[in-house]
């Protein structure tokens, strides 16, 4: 999907935005809860709060990390309650460790 970004790299047109907490995960040999193979851009959410297929654009709250475009495609194993917390898929375990746990801003595109 295509979206216009401002001079700071944040979306110009979006339906809503929310601050959340994110961790990262990588390939474990299993497909996502929606049946697709995990890959960067597919993220794990609580589907009771963020429906599968929801399109988003994600940046860290401090602006130092841009995950970019994302689609809700998996269920996070440790995501509970009525929150926007999510797990971002990254290519390797070392990238996941480097990402750690951080506050993010989620721009909901649709």
Protein backbone atom coordinates (compact mmCIF):
# COMPACT_ATOMS: atom_id res chain seq x y z
CA UNK A 1 0.00 0.00 0.00
CA UNK A 2 1.12 3.52 -0.61
CA UNK A 3 0.90 6.44 1.77
CA UNK A 4 2.22 9.98 1.77
CA UNK A 5 4.83 10.79 4.43
CA UNK A 6 5.67 14.23 5.85
CA UNK A 7 9.18 15.69 6.17
CA UNK A 8 9.70 13.71 9.41
CA UNK A 9 8.74 10.40 7.78
CA UNK A 10 5.32 10.14 9.44
CA UNK A 11 2.09 9.47 7.54
CA UNK A 12 0.03 12.44 6.44
CA UNK A 13 -3.27 10.60 5.88
CA UNK A 14 -4.36 8.03 8.44
CA UNK A 15 -7.57 7.13 10.25
CA UNK A 16 -6.16 7.17 13.79
CA UNK A 17 -2.94 6.77 15.73
CA UNK A 18 -2.10 5.25 19.04
CA UNK A 19 0.91 4.73 21.25
CA UNK A 20 1.68 1.10 22.10
CA UNK A 21 4.46 -1.14 23.40
CA UNK A 22 6.24 -3.45 20.99
CA UNK A 23 8.62 -6.35 21.15
CA UNK A 24 10.02 -8.28 18.20
CA UNK A 25 9.95 -11.90 17.08
CA UNK A 26 11.48 -13.90 14.26
CA UNK A 27 10.77 -17.07 12.31
CA UNK A 28 10.15 -20.11 14.51
CA UNK A 29 9.21 -22.60 11.79
CA UNK A 30 5.50 -21.89 12.14
CA UNK A 31 3.15 -19.93 9.93
CA UNK A 32 1.26 -16.91 11.24
CA UNK A 33 -2.17 -17.41 12.78
CA UNK A 34 -3.68 -16.31 9.43
CA UNK A 35 -1.81 -19.09 7.61
CA UNK A 36 0.78 -16.93 5.83
CA UNK A 37 4.52 -17.40 6.30
CA UNK A 38 5.95 -14.76 8.64
CA UNK A 39 7.97 -11.98 7.04
CA UNK A 40 8.92 -8.38 7.77
CA UNK A 41 5.78 -6.26 7.66
CA UNK A 42 3.60 -8.95 9.23
CA UNK A 43 2.98 -8.27 12.90
CA UNK A 44 1.37 -10.10 15.80
CA UNK A 45 -1.56 -8.44 17.55
CA UNK A 46 -4.50 -9.24 19.79
CA UNK A 47 -7.07 -9.86 17.00
CA UNK A 48 -9.90 -9.00 19.39
CA UNK A 49 -8.51 -5.48 19.50
CA UNK A 50 -6.80 -5.08 16.11
CA UNK A 51 -8.43 -7.25 13.41
CA UNK A 52 -6.29 -9.35 11.07
CA UNK A 53 -5.61 -7.50 7.83
CA UNK A 54 -5.47 -4.07 9.49
CA UNK A 55 -2.93 -1.88 7.69
CA UNK A 56 -0.61 0.27 9.78
CA UNK A 57 2.55 2.35 9.65
CA UNK A 58 4.82 2.02 12.70
CA UNK A 59 7.62 4.20 14.10
CA UNK A 60 9.25 4.26 17.51
CA UNK A 61 7.92 6.93 19.85
CA UNK A 62 11.37 8.55 19.95
CA UNK A 63 11.53 8.66 16.14
CA UNK A 64 14.79 6.71 15.98
CA UNK A 65 13.36 3.49 14.49
CA UNK A 66 11.02 3.14 11.54
CA UNK A 67 9.39 -0.26 11.12
CA UNK A 68 7.27 1.10 8.30
CA UNK A 69 4.26 -0.52 6.71
CA UNK A 70 2.69 -3.40 8.60
CA UNK A 71 -0.29 -5.72 8.37
CA UNK A 72 -1.85 -7.55 11.32
CA UNK A 73 -1.27 -11.19 10.37
CA UNK A 74 -0.44 -13.10 13.55
CA UNK A 75 -1.46 -13.45 17.19
CA UNK A 76 1.01 -12.41 19.84
CA UNK A 77 1.60 -15.07 22.47
CA UNK A 78 2.00 -12.55 25.28
CA UNK A 79 -0.45 -9.87 24.15
CA UNK A 80 -3.36 -9.72 26.55
CA UNK A 81 -6.24 -7.44 27.26
CA UNK A 82 -7.71 -4.50 25.44
CA UNK A 83 -4.38 -2.96 24.42
CA UNK A 84 -2.61 -2.09 21.20
CA UNK A 85 0.60 -3.91 22.20
CA UNK A 86 2.16 -5.89 19.35
CA UNK A 87 5.08 -7.99 18.23
CA UNK A 88 6.95 -6.86 15.13
CA UNK A 89 8.47 -9.53 12.87
CA UNK A 90 12.20 -9.08 12.19
CA UNK A 91 14.59 -11.19 10.09
CA UNK A 92 16.84 -12.49 12.88
CA UNK A 93 17.10 -13.12 16.58
CA UNK A 94 19.94 -10.59 16.84
CA UNK A 95 17.69 -7.90 15.31
CA UNK A 96 14.99 -8.82 17.84
CA UNK A 97 17.43 -8.51 20.76
CA UNK A 98 18.63 -5.15 19.43
CA UNK A 99 15.04 -3.92 19.06
CA UNK A 100 14.17 -5.00 22.61
CA UNK A 101 10.92 -3.58 23.96
CA UNK A 102 10.01 -0.03 23.11
CA UNK A 103 7.18 2.43 22.81
CA UNK A 104 5.87 2.85 19.29
CA UNK A 105 3.39 5.04 17.48
CA UNK A 106 0.96 3.09 15.34
CA UNK A 107 -0.75 4.93 12.50
CA UNK A 108 -3.86 3.02 11.43
CA UNK A 109 -4.23 3.37 7.68
CA UNK A 110 -7.61 1.69 7.30
